Amino acid sequence: MTQISANNAKEEINGAIAKVVSDGEDILIYGENGAIAALIPIEEYELLRRMEEEEEKLDVAEAERRLADPAQTPVPYETVRKGLGLD
């Protein structure tokens, strides 16, 4: 995996994009406090997006299942805020 500095990204971006496109390589861009961005092949990006969508569907299905379950007791919003010390 190639790493480039955010300070040098402008000068190195064309070469970095070429590596991503031709070699399928992931490129990390680093700032002063660590990694701040990544260049990845579009196939990886599309896979990540599909995985996020599927995960969201699973979360919604689980929430609906729990809301429909009479054994599940909802916790009022105010109780949660108080329990977290937000009031």
Protein backbone atom coordinates (compact mmCIF):
# COMPACT_ATOMS: atom_id res chain seq x y z
CA MET A 1 0.00 0.00 0.00
CA THR A 2 1.38 3.33 -1.04
CA GLN A 3 1.32 6.32 1.28
CA ILE A 4 1.61 9.96 0.30
CA SER A 5 1.71 13.12 2.32
CA ALA A 6 -1.22 15.53 2.09
CA ASN A 7 1.39 18.25 1.60
CA ASN A 8 2.65 16.46 -1.51
CA ALA A 9 -0.70 15.16 -2.75
CA LYS A 10 -1.06 17.83 -5.42
CA GLU A 11 2.24 16.84 -7.00
CA GLU A 12 1.68 13.09 -6.56
CA ILE A 13 -2.04 12.73 -7.33
CA ASN A 14 -1.68 11.78 -11.02
CA GLY A 15 0.79 9.01 -10.22
CA ALA A 16 -1.33 7.84 -7.31
CA ILE A 17 -4.46 7.65 -9.47
CA ALA A 18 -2.52 5.72 -12.11
CA LYS A 19 -1.45 3.15 -9.49
CA VAL A 20 -5.04 2.76 -8.31
CA VAL A 21 -6.36 2.32 -11.86
CA SER A 22 -3.61 0.13 -13.30
CA ASP A 23 -2.55 -1.92 -10.27
CA GLY A 24 -5.68 -1.81 -8.10
CA GLU A 25 -3.48 -0.43 -5.33
CA ASP A 26 -4.93 1.40 -2.34
CA ILE A 27 -3.28 4.75 -1.61
CA LEU A 28 -3.39 6.34 1.83
CA ILE A 29 -2.99 10.08 2.16
CA TYR A 30 -1.47 11.20 5.44
CA GLY A 31 -1.76 14.49 7.26
CA GLU A 32 -0.01 15.61 10.41
CA ASN A 33 -2.14 13.37 12.65
CA GLY A 34 -2.25 10.22 10.55
CA ALA A 35 -4.31 8.92 7.64
CA ILE A 36 -6.91 11.40 6.40
CA ALA A 37 -8.10 9.94 3.09
CA ALA A 38 -7.75 6.98 0.77
CA LEU A 39 -7.80 6.43 -2.96
CA ILE A 40 -9.24 3.02 -3.77
CA PRO A 41 -10.35 1.27 -6.96
CA ILE A 42 -13.96 2.00 -7.87
CA GLU A 43 -14.83 -1.69 -7.49
CA GLU A 44 -13.81 -1.57 -3.82
CA TYR A 45 -15.80 1.62 -3.31
CA GLU A 46 -18.91 0.11 -4.91
CA LEU A 47 -18.53 -3.03 -2.79
CA LEU A 48 -18.27 -0.92 0.38
CA ARG A 49 -21.41 1.03 -0.61
CA ARG A 50 -23.36 -2.21 -1.25
CA MET A 51 -22.20 -3.61 2.09
CA GLU A 52 -23.32 -0.42 3.87
CA GLU A 53 -26.73 -0.62 2.18
CA GLU A 54 -27.15 -4.28 3.15
CA GLU A 55 -26.09 -3.54 6.72
CA GLU A 56 -28.65 -0.75 6.90
CA LYS A 57 -31.38 -3.09 5.62
CA LEU A 58 -30.42 -5.64 8.29
CA ASP A 59 -30.49 -2.94 10.99
CA VAL A 60 -33.95 -1.77 9.90
CA ALA A 61 -35.24 -5.35 9.81
CA GLU A 62 -33.88 -5.99 13.32
CA ALA A 63 -35.42 -2.77 14.64
CA GLU A 64 -38.77 -3.66 13.10
CA ARG A 65 -38.56 -7.19 14.57
CA ARG A 66 -37.84 -5.81 18.03
CA LEU A 67 -40.58 -3.21 17.83
CA ALA A 68 -43.06 -5.91 16.84
CA ASP A 69 -41.99 -8.19 19.72
CA PRO A 70 -44.36 -7.69 22.66
CA ALA A 71 -41.65 -8.96 25.03
CA GLN A 72 -39.47 -5.96 24.17
CA THR A 73 -40.13 -2.96 26.39
CA PRO A 74 -39.28 0.41 24.85
CA VAL A 75 -37.16 2.77 26.92
CA PRO A 76 -38.34 6.39 26.86
CA TYR A 77 -35.96 8.90 25.27
CA GLU A 78 -35.80 10.96 28.46
CA THR A 79 -34.71 7.89 30.44
CA VAL A 80 -31.90 7.19 28.00
CA ARG A 81 -30.68 10.81 28.11
CA LYS A 82 -30.73 10.77 31.91
CA GLY A 83 -28.93 7.40 32.01
CA LEU A 84 -26.20 8.81 29.78
CA GLY A 85 -25.87 11.92 31.92
CA LEU A 86 -27.10 14.21 29.16
CA ASP A 87 -29.66 16.02 31.30
